[in-house]
Amino acid sequence: MDLTKTITIFLVVLLHGLQFCNEDSPATWQGNRMTIVVLTFHMPLFMIISGFFFQSSLRLSLKELLASKICQLLVPALV
């Protein structure tokens, strides 16, 4: 699951980067067949996997969930 989530994050970053690589027109990258194929599955797959991991968070109380997310997200962002 972590590998699949990593690959989908990579595809999101790659496709957002490809938007700005074409000097002719920013919309031309969307006509690429590979781009169209990747766009059809990478975000839904990422959301499904994120939801799968979030399911375990539902067992925590609100206080435990907030403390966990602060440690996971806010502390690294501040460091």
N, C-alpha and C. Protein backbone atom coordinates (compact mmCIF):
# COMPACT_ATOMS: atom_id res chain seq x y z
N MET A 1 0.82 -1.20 0.00
CA MET A 1 0.00 0.00 0.00
C MET A 1 0.86 1.27 0.00
N ASP A 2 1.93 1.25 0.79
CA ASP A 2 2.80 2.44 0.82
C ASP A 2 3.46 2.67 -0.53
N LEU A 3 3.85 1.60 -1.19
CA LEU A 3 4.48 1.73 -2.51
C LEU A 3 3.49 2.30 -3.52
N THR A 4 2.27 1.82 -3.48
CA THR A 4 1.24 2.33 -4.39
C THR A 4 0.97 3.80 -4.13
N LYS A 5 0.89 4.18 -2.87
CA LYS A 5 0.67 5.58 -2.52
C LYS A 5 1.85 6.43 -2.98
N THR A 6 3.07 5.92 -2.82
CA THR A 6 4.27 6.63 -3.27
C THR A 6 4.24 6.84 -4.78
N ILE A 7 3.85 5.81 -5.52
CA ILE A 7 3.79 5.92 -6.98
C ILE A 7 2.75 6.94 -7.40
N THR A 8 1.58 6.94 -6.75
CA THR A 8 0.56 7.92 -7.13
C THR A 8 0.99 9.35 -6.79
N ILE A 9 1.67 9.54 -5.68
CA ILE A 9 2.20 10.87 -5.35
C ILE A 9 3.22 11.30 -6.41
N PHE A 10 4.09 10.38 -6.80
CA PHE A 10 5.07 10.67 -7.85
C PHE A 10 4.37 11.08 -9.15
N LEU A 11 3.30 10.36 -9.54
CA LEU A 11 2.58 10.69 -10.76
C LEU A 11 1.93 12.06 -10.68
N VAL A 12 1.40 12.42 -9.52
CA VAL A 12 0.82 13.75 -9.35
C VAL A 12 1.89 14.82 -9.56
N VAL A 13 3.03 14.65 -8.93
CA VAL A 13 4.12 15.63 -9.06
C VAL A 13 4.62 15.67 -10.50
N LEU A 14 4.78 14.52 -11.12
CA LEU A 14 5.26 14.44 -12.50
C LEU A 14 4.32 15.16 -13.45
N LEU A 15 3.04 14.89 -13.34
CA LEU A 15 2.09 15.52 -14.26
C LEU A 15 1.97 17.02 -14.02
N HIS A 16 2.06 17.45 -12.78
CA HIS A 16 2.04 18.89 -12.53
C HIS A 16 3.31 19.54 -13.09
N GLY A 17 4.43 18.85 -13.03
CA GLY A 17 5.67 19.37 -13.61
C GLY A 17 5.63 19.42 -15.12
N LEU A 18 4.99 18.43 -15.74
CA LEU A 18 4.90 18.39 -17.20
C LEU A 18 4.08 19.53 -17.77
N GLN A 19 3.20 20.09 -16.98
CA GLN A 19 2.39 21.21 -17.45
C GLN A 19 3.24 22.37 -17.93
N PHE A 20 4.38 22.54 -17.31
CA PHE A 20 5.19 23.72 -17.58
C PHE A 20 6.42 23.43 -18.44
N CYS A 21 6.53 22.20 -18.93
CA CYS A 21 7.68 21.83 -19.74
C CYS A 21 7.52 22.16 -21.22
N ASN A 22 6.31 22.32 -21.69
CA ASN A 22 6.06 22.61 -23.09
C ASN A 22 6.02 24.12 -23.30
N GLU A 23 6.89 24.61 -24.16
CA GLU A 23 6.98 26.05 -24.38
C GLU A 23 5.88 26.57 -25.31
N ASP A 24 5.35 25.69 -26.18
CA ASP A 24 4.35 26.13 -27.16
C ASP A 24 3.03 26.54 -26.50
N SER A 25 2.48 25.61 -25.75
CA SER A 25 1.19 25.88 -25.13
C SER A 25 1.05 25.01 -23.88
N PRO A 26 0.64 25.60 -22.78
CA PRO A 26 0.49 24.81 -21.56
C PRO A 26 -0.56 23.71 -21.68
N ALA A 27 -1.52 23.86 -22.60
CA ALA A 27 -2.58 22.87 -22.73
C ALA A 27 -2.18 21.68 -23.60
N THR A 28 -1.06 21.75 -24.32
CA THR A 28 -0.66 20.68 -25.24
C THR A 28 -0.31 19.40 -24.51
N TRP A 29 0.21 19.48 -23.30
CA TRP A 29 0.58 18.27 -22.55
C TRP A 29 -0.63 17.40 -22.27
N GLN A 30 -1.82 17.98 -22.25
CA GLN A 30 -3.02 17.22 -21.94
C GLN A 30 -3.43 16.29 -23.08
N GLY A 31 -2.97 16.56 -24.30
CA GLY A 31 -3.31 15.73 -25.44
C GLY A 31 -2.48 14.46 -25.53
N ASN A 32 -1.43 14.35 -24.76
CA ASN A 32 -0.57 13.19 -24.77
C ASN A 32 -1.34 11.98 -24.24
N ARG A 33 -1.29 10.84 -24.96
CA ARG A 33 -2.05 9.66 -24.56
C ARG A 33 -1.62 9.13 -23.19
N MET A 34 -0.33 9.13 -22.93
CA MET A 34 0.14 8.65 -21.63
C MET A 34 -0.42 9.52 -20.50
N THR A 35 -0.44 10.80 -20.73
CA THR A 35 -0.97 11.72 -19.73
C THR A 35 -2.45 11.45 -19.48
N ILE A 36 -3.20 11.21 -20.54
CA ILE A 36 -4.63 10.94 -20.40
C ILE A 36 -4.86 9.66 -19.61
N VAL A 37 -4.07 8.62 -19.90
CA VAL A 37 -4.21 7.35 -19.18
C VAL A 37 -3.89 7.54 -17.70
N VAL A 38 -2.81 8.23 -17.40
CA VAL A 38 -2.42 8.43 -16.00
C VAL A 38 -3.46 9.29 -15.28
N LEU A 39 -3.99 10.30 -15.95
CA LEU A 39 -4.99 11.17 -15.33
C LEU A 39 -6.27 10.42 -14.96
N THR A 40 -6.57 9.33 -15.66
CA THR A 40 -7.81 8.62 -15.39
C THR A 40 -7.76 7.81 -14.11
N PHE A 41 -6.57 7.48 -13.61
CA PHE A 41 -6.53 6.62 -12.43
C PHE A 41 -5.71 7.14 -11.26
N HIS A 42 -4.78 8.05 -11.46
CA HIS A 42 -3.85 8.35 -10.37
C HIS A 42 -4.52 9.07 -9.19
N MET A 43 -5.39 10.02 -9.43
CA MET A 43 -6.03 10.71 -8.31
C MET A 43 -7.10 9.85 -7.63
N PRO A 44 -7.97 9.14 -8.38
CA PRO A 44 -8.91 8.25 -7.68
C PRO A 44 -8.19 7.18 -6.86
N LEU A 45 -7.13 6.61 -7.40
CA LEU A 45 -6.38 5.59 -6.68
C LEU A 45 -5.76 6.18 -5.42
N PHE A 46 -5.20 7.38 -5.52
CA PHE A 46 -4.61 8.05 -4.36
C PHE A 46 -5.67 8.29 -3.28
N MET A 47 -6.86 8.72 -3.68
CA MET A 47 -7.94 8.98 -2.71
C MET A 47 -8.41 7.69 -2.05
N ILE A 48 -8.51 6.61 -2.81
CA ILE A 48 -8.94 5.32 -2.25
C ILE A 48 -7.93 4.84 -1.21
N ILE A 49 -6.65 4.93 -1.55
CA ILE A 49 -5.61 4.47 -0.62
C ILE A 49 -5.56 5.36 0.62
N SER A 50 -5.71 6.67 0.43
CA SER A 50 -5.72 7.58 1.58
C SER A 50 -6.90 7.26 2.50
N GLY A 51 -8.06 6.97 1.91
CA GLY A 51 -9.22 6.59 2.70
C GLY A 51 -9.01 5.29 3.45
N PHE A 52 -8.29 4.36 2.82
CA PHE A 52 -7.98 3.08 3.47
C PHE A 52 -7.14 3.32 4.72
N PHE A 53 -6.15 4.20 4.62
CA PHE A 53 -5.30 4.50 5.77
C PHE A 53 -6.03 5.34 6.81
N PHE A 54 -6.97 6.18 6.39
CA PHE A 54 -7.72 7.01 7.32
C PHE A 54 -8.68 6.18 8.17
N GLN A 55 -9.10 5.04 7.65
CA GLN A 55 -10.04 4.18 8.37
C GLN A 55 -9.54 3.84 9.77
N SER A 56 -8.24 3.61 9.92
CA SER A 56 -7.71 3.30 11.24
C SER A 56 -7.76 4.50 12.18
N SER A 57 -7.81 5.71 11.63
CA SER A 57 -7.89 6.92 12.46
C SER A 57 -9.26 7.07 13.10
N LEU A 58 -10.26 6.43 12.53
CA LEU A 58 -11.61 6.56 13.07
C LEU A 58 -11.75 5.88 14.43
N ARG A 59 -10.84 5.01 14.76
CA ARG A 59 -10.88 4.33 16.06
C ARG A 59 -10.36 5.22 17.20
N LEU A 60 -9.68 6.29 16.86
CA LEU A 60 -9.10 7.18 17.87
C LEU A 60 -10.12 8.22 18.31
N SER A 61 -9.93 8.73 19.51
CA SER A 61 -10.75 9.86 19.94
C SER A 61 -10.26 11.11 19.22
N LEU A 62 -11.05 12.16 19.26
CA LEU A 62 -10.67 13.40 18.57
C LEU A 62 -9.36 13.95 19.11
N LYS A 63 -9.18 13.88 20.42
CA LYS A 63 -7.95 14.38 21.04
C LYS A 63 -6.74 13.58 20.57
N GLU A 64 -6.87 12.24 20.53
CA GLU A 64 -5.76 11.39 20.08
C GLU A 64 -5.47 11.62 18.59
N LEU A 65 -6.52 11.79 17.80
CA LEU A 65 -6.35 12.03 16.37
C LEU A 65 -5.62 13.34 16.12
N LEU A 66 -6.03 14.41 16.82
CA LEU A 66 -5.36 15.70 16.65
C LEU A 66 -3.91 15.66 17.09
N ALA A 67 -3.65 15.00 18.21
CA ALA A 67 -2.27 14.88 18.69
C ALA A 67 -1.41 14.11 17.69
N SER A 68 -1.98 13.06 17.14
CA SER A 68 -1.26 12.25 16.16
C SER A 68 -0.94 13.06 14.90
N LYS A 69 -1.93 13.78 14.39
CA LYS A 69 -1.74 14.57 13.17
C LYS A 69 -0.78 15.74 13.40
N ILE A 70 -0.82 16.33 14.57
CA ILE A 70 0.13 17.40 14.88
C ILE A 70 1.55 16.86 14.86
N CYS A 71 1.75 15.69 15.46
CA CYS A 71 3.09 15.08 15.45
C CYS A 71 3.53 14.69 14.05
N GLN A 72 2.60 14.20 13.24
CA GLN A 72 2.93 13.73 11.89
C GLN A 72 3.12 14.87 10.91
N LEU A 73 2.34 15.94 11.04
CA LEU A 73 2.32 16.98 10.00
C LEU A 73 2.93 18.30 10.44
N LEU A 74 2.53 18.79 11.60
CA LEU A 74 2.95 20.12 12.01
C LEU A 74 4.41 20.16 12.47
N VAL A 75 4.83 19.19 13.26
CA VAL A 75 6.22 19.17 13.76
C VAL A 75 7.22 19.11 12.59
N PRO A 76 7.08 18.18 11.62
CA PRO A 76 8.03 18.17 10.50
C PRO A 76 7.99 19.46 9.67
N ALA A 77 6.78 20.04 9.51
CA ALA A 77 6.68 21.28 8.74
C ALA A 77 7.42 22.43 9.43
N LEU A 78 7.35 22.48 10.76
CA LEU A 78 8.04 23.53 11.48
C LEU A 78 9.55 23.33 11.52
N VAL A 79 9.95 22.06 11.56
CA VAL A 79 11.40 21.76 11.60
C VAL A 79 11.99 22.04 10.25
